[in-house]
N, C-alpha and C. Protein backbone atom coordinates (compact mmCIF):
# COMPACT_ATOMS: atom_id res chain seq x y z
N MET A 1 -12.38 77.01 5.30
CA MET A 1 -12.36 76.04 6.38
C MET A 1 -13.82 75.62 6.73
N VAL A 2 -13.97 74.34 7.11
CA VAL A 2 -15.25 73.88 7.58
C VAL A 2 -15.53 74.51 8.94
N ASP A 3 -16.77 74.99 9.14
CA ASP A 3 -17.18 75.55 10.43
C ASP A 3 -17.76 74.42 11.26
N VAL A 4 -17.10 74.03 12.30
CA VAL A 4 -17.58 72.85 13.04
C VAL A 4 -18.69 73.20 14.03
N SER A 5 -19.49 74.22 13.73
CA SER A 5 -20.69 74.48 14.51
C SER A 5 -21.64 73.28 14.43
N ILE A 6 -21.58 72.59 13.28
CA ILE A 6 -22.22 71.27 13.17
C ILE A 6 -21.20 70.24 13.65
N ASN A 7 -21.54 69.57 14.77
CA ASN A 7 -20.59 68.61 15.35
C ASN A 7 -21.07 67.20 15.05
N PRO A 8 -20.42 66.54 14.11
CA PRO A 8 -20.91 65.19 13.74
C PRO A 8 -20.84 64.21 14.88
N PHE A 9 -19.92 64.40 15.81
CA PHE A 9 -19.76 63.49 16.93
C PHE A 9 -20.94 63.63 17.90
N GLU A 10 -21.35 64.81 18.17
CA GLU A 10 -22.48 65.05 19.05
C GLU A 10 -23.76 64.56 18.41
N ILE A 11 -23.90 64.74 17.09
CA ILE A 11 -25.09 64.32 16.40
C ILE A 11 -25.20 62.80 16.43
N ALA A 12 -24.08 62.11 16.26
CA ALA A 12 -24.08 60.64 16.34
C ALA A 12 -24.55 60.19 17.73
N LYS A 13 -24.11 60.88 18.76
CA LYS A 13 -24.56 60.54 20.11
C LYS A 13 -26.06 60.83 20.28
N ASN A 14 -26.52 61.95 19.75
CA ASN A 14 -27.92 62.31 19.92
C ASN A 14 -28.87 61.33 19.21
N TYR A 15 -28.38 60.72 18.12
CA TYR A 15 -29.20 59.75 17.39
C TYR A 15 -28.89 58.31 17.87
N SER A 16 -28.15 58.18 18.98
CA SER A 16 -27.80 56.87 19.56
C SER A 16 -27.16 55.98 18.54
N LEU A 17 -26.28 56.57 17.69
CA LEU A 17 -25.54 55.80 16.71
C LEU A 17 -24.20 55.41 17.31
N SER A 18 -23.57 54.40 16.70
CA SER A 18 -22.28 53.95 17.16
C SER A 18 -21.26 55.11 17.07
N PRO A 19 -20.33 55.16 18.05
CA PRO A 19 -19.39 56.29 18.05
C PRO A 19 -18.51 56.31 16.78
N ILE A 20 -18.13 57.53 16.42
CA ILE A 20 -17.22 57.67 15.27
C ILE A 20 -15.80 57.48 15.77
N GLN A 21 -15.16 56.41 15.31
CA GLN A 21 -13.84 56.05 15.82
C GLN A 21 -12.73 56.27 14.79
N SER A 22 -13.12 56.47 13.51
CA SER A 22 -12.08 56.67 12.48
C SER A 22 -12.53 57.79 11.53
N VAL A 23 -11.60 58.63 11.15
CA VAL A 23 -11.89 59.77 10.28
C VAL A 23 -10.93 59.77 9.08
N LEU A 24 -11.49 60.03 7.94
CA LEU A 24 -10.74 60.25 6.71
C LEU A 24 -10.99 61.70 6.29
N GLN A 25 -9.98 62.56 6.45
CA GLN A 25 -10.13 63.98 6.25
C GLN A 25 -9.42 64.44 4.95
N VAL A 26 -10.15 65.17 4.14
CA VAL A 26 -9.60 65.71 2.92
C VAL A 26 -9.59 67.23 2.99
N GLY A 27 -8.42 67.86 2.83
CA GLY A 27 -8.28 69.27 3.03
C GLY A 27 -8.04 69.57 4.49
N ALA A 28 -7.09 68.86 5.10
CA ALA A 28 -6.87 68.96 6.52
C ALA A 28 -6.19 70.22 6.96
N SER A 29 -5.58 70.97 6.03
CA SER A 29 -4.87 72.21 6.35
C SER A 29 -3.80 71.91 7.40
N GLY A 30 -3.75 72.72 8.44
CA GLY A 30 -2.76 72.51 9.49
C GLY A 30 -3.16 71.64 10.66
N GLY A 31 -4.32 70.98 10.46
CA GLY A 31 -4.80 70.07 11.52
C GLY A 31 -5.60 70.77 12.61
N GLN A 32 -6.34 71.79 12.22
CA GLN A 32 -7.13 72.54 13.21
C GLN A 32 -8.21 71.67 13.89
N GLU A 33 -8.63 70.58 13.18
CA GLU A 33 -9.66 69.75 13.76
C GLU A 33 -9.13 68.63 14.65
N ILE A 34 -7.82 68.50 14.75
CA ILE A 34 -7.23 67.42 15.54
C ILE A 34 -7.76 67.41 17.00
N PRO A 35 -7.78 68.58 17.69
CA PRO A 35 -8.32 68.57 19.05
C PRO A 35 -9.79 68.07 19.10
N LEU A 36 -10.57 68.39 18.11
CA LEU A 36 -11.95 67.89 18.05
C LEU A 36 -11.99 66.39 17.93
N PHE A 37 -11.10 65.86 17.07
CA PHE A 37 -11.08 64.40 16.89
C PHE A 37 -10.65 63.73 18.15
N VAL A 38 -9.58 64.23 18.77
CA VAL A 38 -9.06 63.63 20.00
C VAL A 38 -10.11 63.65 21.12
N ALA A 39 -10.77 64.79 21.25
CA ALA A 39 -11.75 64.97 22.35
C ALA A 39 -12.93 64.04 22.18
N ASN A 40 -13.18 63.58 20.99
CA ASN A 40 -14.35 62.73 20.72
C ASN A 40 -13.95 61.26 20.48
N GLY A 41 -12.76 60.90 20.85
CA GLY A 41 -12.38 59.51 20.88
C GLY A 41 -12.02 58.89 19.55
N VAL A 42 -11.65 59.71 18.57
CA VAL A 42 -11.23 59.18 17.27
C VAL A 42 -9.91 58.41 17.44
N ARG A 43 -9.88 57.15 17.07
CA ARG A 43 -8.69 56.31 17.26
C ARG A 43 -7.75 56.33 16.05
N HIS A 44 -8.33 56.46 14.86
CA HIS A 44 -7.52 56.50 13.64
C HIS A 44 -7.98 57.70 12.82
N ALA A 45 -7.04 58.50 12.37
CA ALA A 45 -7.35 59.65 11.53
C ALA A 45 -6.31 59.69 10.37
N ALA A 46 -6.76 59.57 9.15
CA ALA A 46 -5.92 59.75 8.00
C ALA A 46 -6.28 61.13 7.40
N MET A 47 -5.29 62.05 7.42
CA MET A 47 -5.57 63.48 7.15
C MET A 47 -4.72 63.92 5.95
N VAL A 48 -5.45 64.38 4.87
CA VAL A 48 -4.81 64.64 3.61
C VAL A 48 -4.77 66.13 3.33
N GLU A 49 -3.56 66.62 2.98
CA GLU A 49 -3.36 68.04 2.69
C GLU A 49 -2.29 68.17 1.58
N PRO A 50 -2.53 68.92 0.51
CA PRO A 50 -1.55 69.00 -0.56
C PRO A 50 -0.43 70.02 -0.42
N LEU A 51 -0.70 71.13 0.24
CA LEU A 51 0.27 72.26 0.25
C LEU A 51 1.36 72.04 1.29
N ASP A 52 2.58 72.48 0.92
CA ASP A 52 3.78 72.23 1.73
C ASP A 52 3.66 72.85 3.11
N TYR A 53 3.32 74.16 3.20
CA TYR A 53 3.34 74.81 4.50
C TYR A 53 2.28 74.27 5.46
N PRO A 54 1.01 74.23 5.04
CA PRO A 54 0.05 73.68 6.00
C PRO A 54 0.32 72.22 6.31
N PHE A 55 0.85 71.48 5.35
CA PHE A 55 1.17 70.07 5.64
C PHE A 55 2.27 69.95 6.72
N SER A 56 3.25 70.87 6.67
CA SER A 56 4.28 70.83 7.73
C SER A 56 3.67 71.12 9.08
N VAL A 57 2.70 72.00 9.16
CA VAL A 57 2.00 72.28 10.42
C VAL A 57 1.20 71.09 10.87
N LEU A 58 0.49 70.49 9.89
CA LEU A 58 -0.34 69.30 10.16
C LEU A 58 0.56 68.16 10.72
N ARG A 59 1.69 67.97 10.10
CA ARG A 59 2.58 66.92 10.57
C ARG A 59 3.08 67.17 11.98
N ALA A 60 3.39 68.44 12.26
CA ALA A 60 3.85 68.79 13.61
C ALA A 60 2.75 68.57 14.66
N ASN A 61 1.51 68.92 14.30
CA ASN A 61 0.40 68.79 15.23
C ASN A 61 0.00 67.34 15.45
N ALA A 62 0.32 66.48 14.52
CA ALA A 62 -0.09 65.07 14.62
C ALA A 62 1.02 64.16 15.13
N GLN A 63 2.24 64.69 15.26
CA GLN A 63 3.41 63.80 15.44
C GLN A 63 3.38 63.02 16.74
N ASN A 64 2.73 63.56 17.79
CA ASN A 64 2.72 62.85 19.06
C ASN A 64 1.42 62.17 19.35
N ILE A 65 0.58 62.03 18.36
CA ILE A 65 -0.71 61.37 18.54
C ILE A 65 -0.72 60.06 17.82
N GLU A 66 -0.88 58.99 18.53
CA GLU A 66 -0.83 57.64 17.93
C GLU A 66 -1.95 57.46 16.93
N ASN A 67 -1.58 56.91 15.75
CA ASN A 67 -2.54 56.57 14.69
C ASN A 67 -3.23 57.81 14.09
N TYR A 68 -2.58 58.95 14.15
CA TYR A 68 -3.02 60.12 13.42
C TYR A 68 -2.00 60.35 12.30
N LEU A 69 -2.42 60.08 11.06
CA LEU A 69 -1.49 60.01 9.96
C LEU A 69 -1.67 61.17 8.97
N PRO A 70 -0.70 62.07 8.86
CA PRO A 70 -0.76 63.11 7.83
C PRO A 70 -0.27 62.59 6.50
N ILE A 71 -0.99 62.94 5.42
CA ILE A 71 -0.69 62.47 4.07
C ILE A 71 -0.64 63.67 3.15
N GLN A 72 0.44 63.85 2.46
CA GLN A 72 0.56 64.99 1.53
C GLN A 72 0.14 64.52 0.12
N SER A 73 -1.00 64.96 -0.30
CA SER A 73 -1.52 64.59 -1.63
C SER A 73 -2.67 65.51 -1.99
N LEU A 74 -2.95 65.59 -3.26
CA LEU A 74 -4.13 66.29 -3.76
C LEU A 74 -5.15 65.24 -4.16
N VAL A 75 -6.35 65.37 -3.64
CA VAL A 75 -7.43 64.41 -3.93
C VAL A 75 -8.28 64.94 -5.05
N GLY A 76 -8.55 64.07 -6.04
CA GLY A 76 -9.37 64.43 -7.18
C GLY A 76 -10.19 63.27 -7.65
N ALA A 77 -10.80 63.47 -8.81
CA ALA A 77 -11.71 62.46 -9.37
C ALA A 77 -10.97 61.34 -10.08
N ARG A 78 -9.71 61.60 -10.45
CA ARG A 78 -8.96 60.62 -11.22
C ARG A 78 -7.52 60.57 -10.73
N ASP A 79 -6.91 59.39 -10.93
CA ASP A 79 -5.48 59.22 -10.55
C ASP A 79 -4.58 59.75 -11.66
N GLY A 80 -3.50 60.42 -11.25
CA GLY A 80 -2.48 60.83 -12.20
C GLY A 80 -2.80 62.02 -13.04
N GLU A 81 -3.85 62.75 -12.72
CA GLU A 81 -4.19 63.94 -13.51
C GLU A 81 -3.43 65.15 -13.04
N GLN A 82 -2.89 65.93 -13.96
CA GLN A 82 -2.15 67.16 -13.63
C GLN A 82 -3.15 68.30 -13.50
N VAL A 83 -3.20 68.94 -12.35
CA VAL A 83 -4.16 70.01 -12.13
C VAL A 83 -3.45 71.21 -11.52
N GLU A 84 -4.03 72.38 -11.71
CA GLU A 84 -3.52 73.58 -11.07
C GLU A 84 -4.23 73.80 -9.77
N LEU A 85 -3.46 74.18 -8.77
CA LEU A 85 -4.04 74.48 -7.46
C LEU A 85 -3.82 75.99 -7.18
N PHE A 86 -4.91 76.74 -7.04
CA PHE A 86 -4.83 78.16 -6.78
C PHE A 86 -4.61 78.32 -5.26
N VAL A 87 -3.45 78.91 -4.93
CA VAL A 87 -3.03 78.99 -3.54
C VAL A 87 -3.50 80.30 -2.88
N ALA A 88 -4.20 80.14 -1.77
CA ALA A 88 -4.75 81.33 -1.06
C ALA A 88 -3.79 81.88 -0.05
N SER A 89 -3.93 83.20 0.19
CA SER A 89 -3.03 83.89 1.05
C SER A 89 -3.27 83.64 2.55
N ASN A 90 -4.38 83.02 2.91
CA ASN A 90 -4.70 82.77 4.33
C ASN A 90 -4.14 81.40 4.75
N ASP A 91 -2.80 81.28 4.62
CA ASP A 91 -2.08 80.05 4.94
C ASP A 91 -2.64 78.87 4.15
N GLY A 92 -3.19 79.16 2.98
CA GLY A 92 -3.67 78.11 2.07
C GLY A 92 -5.04 77.58 2.37
N GLN A 93 -5.73 78.13 3.38
CA GLN A 93 -7.02 77.56 3.81
C GLN A 93 -8.10 77.65 2.74
N SER A 94 -8.08 78.67 1.88
CA SER A 94 -9.08 78.84 0.85
C SER A 94 -8.61 78.33 -0.50
N SER A 95 -7.48 77.64 -0.54
CA SER A 95 -6.93 77.16 -1.83
C SER A 95 -7.86 76.15 -2.48
N SER A 96 -7.86 76.13 -3.79
CA SER A 96 -8.76 75.23 -4.51
C SER A 96 -8.20 74.92 -5.89
N ILE A 97 -8.62 73.79 -6.45
CA ILE A 97 -8.28 73.45 -7.85
C ILE A 97 -9.16 74.23 -8.78
N LEU A 98 -10.17 74.95 -8.26
CA LEU A 98 -11.03 75.81 -9.04
C LEU A 98 -10.60 77.26 -8.91
N LYS A 99 -10.79 77.98 -10.00
CA LYS A 99 -10.39 79.40 -10.01
C LYS A 99 -11.39 80.20 -9.17
N PRO A 100 -10.88 81.05 -8.24
CA PRO A 100 -11.81 81.83 -7.40
C PRO A 100 -12.63 82.77 -8.21
N ALA A 101 -13.88 82.93 -7.77
CA ALA A 101 -14.81 83.83 -8.45
C ALA A 101 -15.45 84.76 -7.36
N GLN A 102 -16.66 84.47 -6.95
CA GLN A 102 -17.31 85.31 -5.94
C GLN A 102 -16.61 85.28 -4.58
N HIS A 103 -15.75 84.31 -4.38
CA HIS A 103 -14.98 84.27 -3.17
C HIS A 103 -14.14 85.53 -3.00
N LEU A 104 -13.69 86.10 -4.13
CA LEU A 104 -12.85 87.28 -4.05
C LEU A 104 -13.56 88.50 -3.47
N SER A 105 -14.83 88.62 -3.77
CA SER A 105 -15.61 89.73 -3.20
C SER A 105 -16.21 89.40 -1.82
N ALA A 106 -16.49 88.12 -1.58
CA ALA A 106 -17.04 87.72 -0.30
C ALA A 106 -15.97 87.82 0.82
N PHE A 107 -14.70 87.52 0.43
CA PHE A 107 -13.57 87.57 1.38
C PHE A 107 -12.46 88.38 0.76
N PRO A 108 -12.59 89.72 0.69
CA PRO A 108 -11.64 90.54 -0.04
C PRO A 108 -10.21 90.54 0.56
N THR A 109 -10.03 90.10 1.79
CA THR A 109 -8.68 90.06 2.36
C THR A 109 -7.93 88.86 1.91
N VAL A 110 -8.61 87.88 1.30
CA VAL A 110 -7.99 86.64 0.83
C VAL A 110 -7.64 86.80 -0.66
N THR A 111 -6.38 86.67 -0.98
CA THR A 111 -5.96 86.78 -2.37
C THR A 111 -5.38 85.44 -2.84
N PHE A 112 -5.28 85.34 -4.17
CA PHE A 112 -4.73 84.11 -4.79
C PHE A 112 -3.60 84.52 -5.74
N ASP A 113 -2.44 84.70 -5.18
CA ASP A 113 -1.32 85.27 -5.96
C ASP A 113 -0.42 84.20 -6.57
N ASP A 114 -0.69 82.93 -6.27
CA ASP A 114 0.19 81.88 -6.74
C ASP A 114 -0.65 80.68 -7.15
N LYS A 115 -0.15 79.87 -8.08
CA LYS A 115 -0.78 78.60 -8.40
C LYS A 115 0.32 77.59 -8.72
N ILE A 116 0.09 76.34 -8.32
CA ILE A 116 1.09 75.31 -8.48
C ILE A 116 0.50 74.11 -9.21
N GLN A 117 1.34 73.32 -9.82
CA GLN A 117 0.92 72.11 -10.50
C GLN A 117 0.94 70.94 -9.48
N CYS A 118 -0.12 70.17 -9.48
CA CYS A 118 -0.21 69.00 -8.59
C CYS A 118 -0.71 67.80 -9.37
N THR A 119 -0.38 66.63 -8.88
CA THR A 119 -0.91 65.41 -9.43
C THR A 119 -2.00 64.88 -8.51
N SER A 120 -3.16 64.61 -9.07
CA SER A 120 -4.29 64.19 -8.23
C SER A 120 -4.31 62.67 -8.07
N TYR A 121 -4.85 62.23 -6.95
CA TYR A 121 -5.10 60.85 -6.67
C TYR A 121 -6.49 60.71 -6.04
N THR A 122 -7.16 59.63 -6.38
CA THR A 122 -8.54 59.47 -5.84
C THR A 122 -8.44 59.10 -4.36
N LEU A 123 -9.52 59.33 -3.65
CA LEU A 123 -9.57 59.00 -2.24
C LEU A 123 -9.49 57.47 -2.09
N ASP A 124 -10.12 56.72 -2.97
CA ASP A 124 -10.04 55.27 -2.92
C ASP A 124 -8.57 54.79 -3.05
N THR A 125 -7.81 55.38 -3.93
CA THR A 125 -6.42 55.01 -4.08
C THR A 125 -5.60 55.36 -2.86
N ILE A 126 -5.82 56.53 -2.28
CA ILE A 126 -5.09 56.92 -1.08
C ILE A 126 -5.35 56.00 0.07
N VAL A 127 -6.66 55.59 0.25
CA VAL A 127 -6.97 54.71 1.35
C VAL A 127 -6.34 53.34 1.15
N ARG A 128 -6.32 52.83 -0.09
CA ARG A 128 -5.65 51.57 -0.31
C ARG A 128 -4.16 51.65 -0.01
N SER A 129 -3.52 52.77 -0.37
CA SER A 129 -2.10 52.98 -0.08
C SER A 129 -1.82 53.03 1.41
N VAL A 130 -2.71 53.74 2.14
CA VAL A 130 -2.54 53.81 3.61
C VAL A 130 -2.63 52.42 4.22
N LYS A 131 -3.61 51.64 3.80
CA LYS A 131 -3.80 50.31 4.32
C LYS A 131 -2.61 49.39 3.99
N THR A 132 -2.02 49.54 2.82
CA THR A 132 -0.87 48.74 2.40
C THR A 132 0.34 49.05 3.27
N ASN A 133 0.54 50.36 3.54
CA ASN A 133 1.75 50.77 4.24
C ASN A 133 1.60 50.89 5.74
N HIS A 134 0.36 50.88 6.19
CA HIS A 134 0.07 50.98 7.63
C HIS A 134 -1.06 49.98 7.91
N THR A 135 -0.71 48.72 8.03
CA THR A 135 -1.71 47.64 8.06
C THR A 135 -2.65 47.75 9.26
N HIS A 136 -2.25 48.44 10.29
CA HIS A 136 -3.11 48.56 11.46
C HIS A 136 -4.21 49.61 11.28
N PHE A 137 -4.13 50.39 10.17
CA PHE A 137 -5.19 51.36 9.90
C PHE A 137 -6.41 50.62 9.31
N PRO A 138 -7.58 51.24 9.50
CA PRO A 138 -8.78 50.58 9.00
C PRO A 138 -8.87 50.57 7.48
N GLU A 139 -9.59 49.61 6.97
CA GLU A 139 -9.87 49.56 5.54
C GLU A 139 -10.96 50.54 5.15
N HIS A 140 -11.87 50.78 6.09
CA HIS A 140 -12.98 51.71 5.87
C HIS A 140 -13.06 52.69 7.06
N TYR A 141 -13.55 53.88 6.82
CA TYR A 141 -13.59 54.92 7.84
C TYR A 141 -15.04 55.28 8.18
N ASP A 142 -15.27 55.54 9.46
CA ASP A 142 -16.63 55.93 9.90
C ASP A 142 -17.07 57.24 9.27
N LEU A 143 -16.16 58.20 9.22
CA LEU A 143 -16.52 59.59 8.81
C LEU A 143 -15.58 60.06 7.75
N ILE A 144 -16.14 60.54 6.62
CA ILE A 144 -15.36 61.28 5.58
C ILE A 144 -15.60 62.74 5.82
N TYR A 145 -14.54 63.49 6.00
CA TYR A 145 -14.60 64.89 6.43
C TYR A 145 -13.91 65.76 5.35
N VAL A 146 -14.66 66.59 4.66
CA VAL A 146 -14.15 67.21 3.42
C VAL A 146 -14.25 68.76 3.51
N ASP A 147 -13.14 69.39 3.13
CA ASP A 147 -13.08 70.87 3.02
C ASP A 147 -12.14 71.23 1.88
N VAL A 148 -12.68 71.32 0.66
CA VAL A 148 -11.86 71.53 -0.49
C VAL A 148 -12.32 72.71 -1.37
N GLN A 149 -13.07 73.65 -0.80
CA GLN A 149 -13.33 74.91 -1.43
C GLN A 149 -13.99 74.75 -2.83
N GLY A 150 -15.16 74.19 -2.86
CA GLY A 150 -15.93 74.10 -4.09
C GLY A 150 -15.72 72.89 -4.91
N ALA A 151 -14.62 72.12 -4.62
CA ALA A 151 -14.28 70.94 -5.41
C ALA A 151 -14.75 69.65 -4.76
N GLU A 152 -15.76 69.72 -3.87
CA GLU A 152 -16.22 68.54 -3.16
C GLU A 152 -16.65 67.43 -4.07
N LEU A 153 -17.37 67.76 -5.13
CA LEU A 153 -17.88 66.71 -6.02
C LEU A 153 -16.72 65.95 -6.70
N GLU A 154 -15.61 66.66 -6.99
CA GLU A 154 -14.45 65.98 -7.56
C GLU A 154 -13.86 64.95 -6.60
N VAL A 155 -13.89 65.27 -5.35
CA VAL A 155 -13.43 64.32 -4.31
C VAL A 155 -14.34 63.09 -4.27
N PHE A 156 -15.64 63.33 -4.22
CA PHE A 156 -16.61 62.23 -4.10
C PHE A 156 -16.65 61.35 -5.34
N LYS A 157 -16.38 61.91 -6.52
CA LYS A 157 -16.37 61.15 -7.74
C LYS A 157 -15.27 60.08 -7.69
N GLY A 158 -14.20 60.32 -6.97
CA GLY A 158 -13.12 59.37 -6.85
C GLY A 158 -13.12 58.58 -5.54
N ALA A 159 -14.31 58.54 -4.88
CA ALA A 159 -14.41 57.91 -3.58
C ALA A 159 -15.50 56.86 -3.50
N ASN A 160 -15.63 56.11 -4.60
CA ASN A 160 -16.72 55.14 -4.69
C ASN A 160 -16.71 54.16 -3.50
N GLN A 161 -15.56 53.48 -3.28
CA GLN A 161 -15.49 52.49 -2.21
C GLN A 161 -15.61 53.15 -0.84
N CYS A 162 -14.98 54.31 -0.71
CA CYS A 162 -15.05 55.01 0.58
C CYS A 162 -16.48 55.36 0.94
N LEU A 163 -17.26 55.84 -0.04
CA LEU A 163 -18.64 56.22 0.22
C LEU A 163 -19.52 55.00 0.51
N LEU A 164 -19.24 53.89 -0.17
CA LEU A 164 -20.02 52.70 0.05
C LEU A 164 -19.79 52.06 1.42
N ASN A 165 -18.69 52.41 2.04
CA ASN A 165 -18.32 51.76 3.27
C ASN A 165 -18.21 52.67 4.48
N SER A 166 -18.53 53.96 4.32
CA SER A 166 -18.52 54.91 5.44
C SER A 166 -19.89 55.05 6.01
N ARG A 167 -19.98 55.72 7.16
CA ARG A 167 -21.29 55.93 7.81
C ARG A 167 -21.71 57.39 7.76
N PHE A 168 -20.75 58.29 7.75
CA PHE A 168 -21.03 59.72 7.78
C PHE A 168 -20.21 60.46 6.74
N VAL A 169 -20.78 61.53 6.19
CA VAL A 169 -20.02 62.50 5.38
C VAL A 169 -20.28 63.87 5.96
N PHE A 170 -19.21 64.57 6.30
CA PHE A 170 -19.29 65.96 6.77
C PHE A 170 -18.57 66.80 5.79
N THR A 171 -19.20 67.79 5.19
CA THR A 171 -18.56 68.53 4.10
C THR A 171 -18.94 70.02 4.14
N GLU A 172 -18.01 70.81 3.68
CA GLU A 172 -18.32 72.21 3.42
C GLU A 172 -19.20 72.23 2.19
N ILE A 173 -20.18 73.16 2.19
CA ILE A 173 -21.07 73.30 1.04
C ILE A 173 -21.26 74.78 0.72
N GLY A 174 -21.83 75.05 -0.41
CA GLY A 174 -22.10 76.44 -0.79
C GLY A 174 -23.27 76.56 -1.73
N LEU A 175 -23.66 77.79 -1.95
CA LEU A 175 -24.78 78.02 -2.90
C LEU A 175 -24.32 77.95 -4.37
N GLY A 176 -22.99 77.95 -4.56
CA GLY A 176 -22.46 77.90 -5.94
C GLY A 176 -21.99 79.29 -6.35
N GLY A 177 -20.93 79.31 -7.17
CA GLY A 177 -20.41 80.57 -7.70
C GLY A 177 -19.24 81.13 -6.95
N GLY A 178 -18.87 80.52 -5.86
CA GLY A 178 -17.68 81.01 -5.10
C GLY A 178 -16.42 80.77 -5.88
N TYR A 179 -16.37 79.66 -6.61
CA TYR A 179 -15.24 79.31 -7.46
C TYR A 179 -15.84 78.89 -8.83
N GLU A 180 -15.07 79.11 -9.87
CA GLU A 180 -15.56 78.74 -11.18
C GLU A 180 -15.72 77.21 -11.30
N GLY A 181 -16.93 76.80 -11.68
CA GLY A 181 -17.15 75.38 -11.85
C GLY A 181 -17.51 74.65 -10.59
N ASP A 182 -17.72 75.36 -9.48
CA ASP A 182 -18.11 74.61 -8.26
C ASP A 182 -19.59 74.17 -8.34
N VAL A 183 -20.02 73.40 -7.39
CA VAL A 183 -21.37 72.88 -7.44
C VAL A 183 -22.14 73.40 -6.22
N SER A 184 -23.43 73.55 -6.39
CA SER A 184 -24.31 73.95 -5.28
C SER A 184 -24.57 72.77 -4.36
N TYR A 185 -24.99 73.08 -3.16
CA TYR A 185 -25.25 72.04 -2.17
C TYR A 185 -26.34 71.08 -2.67
N MET A 186 -27.24 71.52 -3.51
CA MET A 186 -28.28 70.66 -4.01
C MET A 186 -27.74 69.51 -4.85
N LYS A 187 -26.71 69.80 -5.66
CA LYS A 187 -26.07 68.74 -6.44
C LYS A 187 -25.35 67.72 -5.57
N LEU A 188 -24.73 68.22 -4.50
CA LEU A 188 -24.07 67.31 -3.59
C LEU A 188 -25.06 66.44 -2.88
N ILE A 189 -26.18 67.01 -2.46
CA ILE A 189 -27.23 66.20 -1.82
C ILE A 189 -27.66 65.06 -2.76
N GLY A 190 -27.90 65.40 -4.03
CA GLY A 190 -28.34 64.38 -4.97
C GLY A 190 -27.28 63.30 -5.21
N PHE A 191 -26.03 63.69 -5.32
CA PHE A 191 -24.92 62.74 -5.55
C PHE A 191 -24.80 61.79 -4.36
N LEU A 192 -24.79 62.33 -3.18
CA LEU A 192 -24.61 61.51 -1.98
C LEU A 192 -25.84 60.65 -1.69
N ASN A 193 -27.00 61.18 -2.04
CA ASN A 193 -28.25 60.40 -1.85
C ASN A 193 -28.21 59.08 -2.64
N ALA A 194 -27.60 59.12 -3.82
CA ALA A 194 -27.47 57.95 -4.66
C ALA A 194 -26.60 56.87 -4.00
N TYR A 195 -25.75 57.27 -3.07
CA TYR A 195 -24.93 56.31 -2.34
C TYR A 195 -25.59 55.91 -0.98
N GLY A 196 -26.81 56.38 -0.77
CA GLY A 196 -27.53 56.02 0.45
C GLY A 196 -27.40 56.95 1.59
N TYR A 197 -26.87 58.15 1.34
CA TYR A 197 -26.70 59.10 2.41
C TYR A 197 -27.87 60.11 2.47
N ASP A 198 -28.38 60.34 3.66
CA ASP A 198 -29.42 61.32 3.87
C ASP A 198 -28.83 62.52 4.60
N LEU A 199 -29.24 63.69 4.14
CA LEU A 199 -28.88 64.93 4.83
C LEU A 199 -29.62 65.04 6.14
N ILE A 200 -28.87 65.24 7.25
CA ILE A 200 -29.58 65.36 8.52
C ILE A 200 -29.38 66.74 9.14
N GLN A 201 -28.33 67.49 8.69
CA GLN A 201 -28.22 68.88 9.21
C GLN A 201 -27.46 69.70 8.18
N LEU A 202 -27.94 70.91 7.99
CA LEU A 202 -27.36 71.83 7.01
C LEU A 202 -27.38 73.23 7.56
N GLU A 203 -26.25 73.94 7.45
CA GLU A 203 -26.21 75.34 7.84
C GLU A 203 -25.45 76.12 6.81
N ILE A 204 -26.04 77.23 6.37
CA ILE A 204 -25.39 78.12 5.40
C ILE A 204 -25.45 79.55 5.94
N ASN A 205 -24.30 80.25 5.90
CA ASN A 205 -24.23 81.60 6.31
C ASN A 205 -24.79 82.49 5.17
N PRO A 206 -25.88 83.22 5.42
CA PRO A 206 -26.51 84.00 4.34
C PRO A 206 -25.64 85.15 3.87
N ASN A 207 -24.65 85.52 4.66
CA ASN A 207 -23.81 86.69 4.27
C ASN A 207 -22.82 86.33 3.16
N HIS A 208 -22.37 85.07 3.14
CA HIS A 208 -21.40 84.72 2.08
C HIS A 208 -21.76 83.43 1.35
N GLY A 209 -22.82 82.72 1.75
CA GLY A 209 -23.28 81.59 1.01
C GLY A 209 -22.54 80.32 1.20
N TYR A 210 -21.74 80.22 2.30
CA TYR A 210 -21.03 78.99 2.62
C TYR A 210 -21.52 78.38 3.91
N GLY A 211 -21.35 77.09 4.05
CA GLY A 211 -21.77 76.43 5.28
C GLY A 211 -21.30 75.02 5.33
N ASP A 212 -21.95 74.22 6.14
CA ASP A 212 -21.58 72.84 6.34
C ASP A 212 -22.80 71.93 6.24
N ALA A 213 -22.55 70.68 5.89
CA ALA A 213 -23.63 69.70 5.86
C ALA A 213 -23.16 68.39 6.41
N LEU A 214 -24.04 67.70 7.09
CA LEU A 214 -23.76 66.37 7.64
C LEU A 214 -24.73 65.38 7.08
N PHE A 215 -24.19 64.30 6.53
CA PHE A 215 -25.00 63.21 5.90
C PHE A 215 -24.74 61.92 6.68
N VAL A 216 -25.78 61.13 6.81
CA VAL A 216 -25.67 59.83 7.45
C VAL A 216 -26.17 58.77 6.49
N ARG A 217 -25.45 57.67 6.33
CA ARG A 217 -25.83 56.62 5.46
C ARG A 217 -27.00 55.81 6.05
N ARG A 218 -27.96 55.49 5.21
CA ARG A 218 -29.22 54.95 5.69
C ARG A 218 -29.11 53.61 6.39
N HIS A 219 -28.06 52.80 6.07
CA HIS A 219 -27.98 51.49 6.69
C HIS A 219 -27.66 51.61 8.20
């Protein structure tokens, strides 16, 4: 889970930037961030979660909030790709399309006893689908909010239009090695910098090597 000790809404206020009114969330789990979004005036939230149980919780938590849309899908770099999802025992919160590695020793109480087949769709495709079926939703989102356990770069590779038209990216990051094939925060910084995003705050827990980062697009 993303640790919201970095609060993108407060940072936007501190920098006298326009308020964040729309959020595109990948890896929404059961909707733990919904109260944060509501408290900070988010008017539209498209929240994506692939797993059945957390999605059912997400749907229940969002059902009475206008323009908060739960979407059950796996986000990846390509449309229609069959991928394995390693399902974590902590209600799916640590689940990833990457095989767990150092995560097993860093969090020994979390196990990965199941894996399922999923079809991936890019974030750009999901946003187009949302706009087609819910025309009152925005075409572009102020904030992209990502928590996908080491597979962040796979999400961003399929989010070209989203990245070109958003203002903020808030993502979980790591030193690398938590999952097989994951990327270090330095690679994410480089990738997002090419889209015009500057890192403005970064926190990493030295005990397990995970943290959060907030990027703001230069325009």
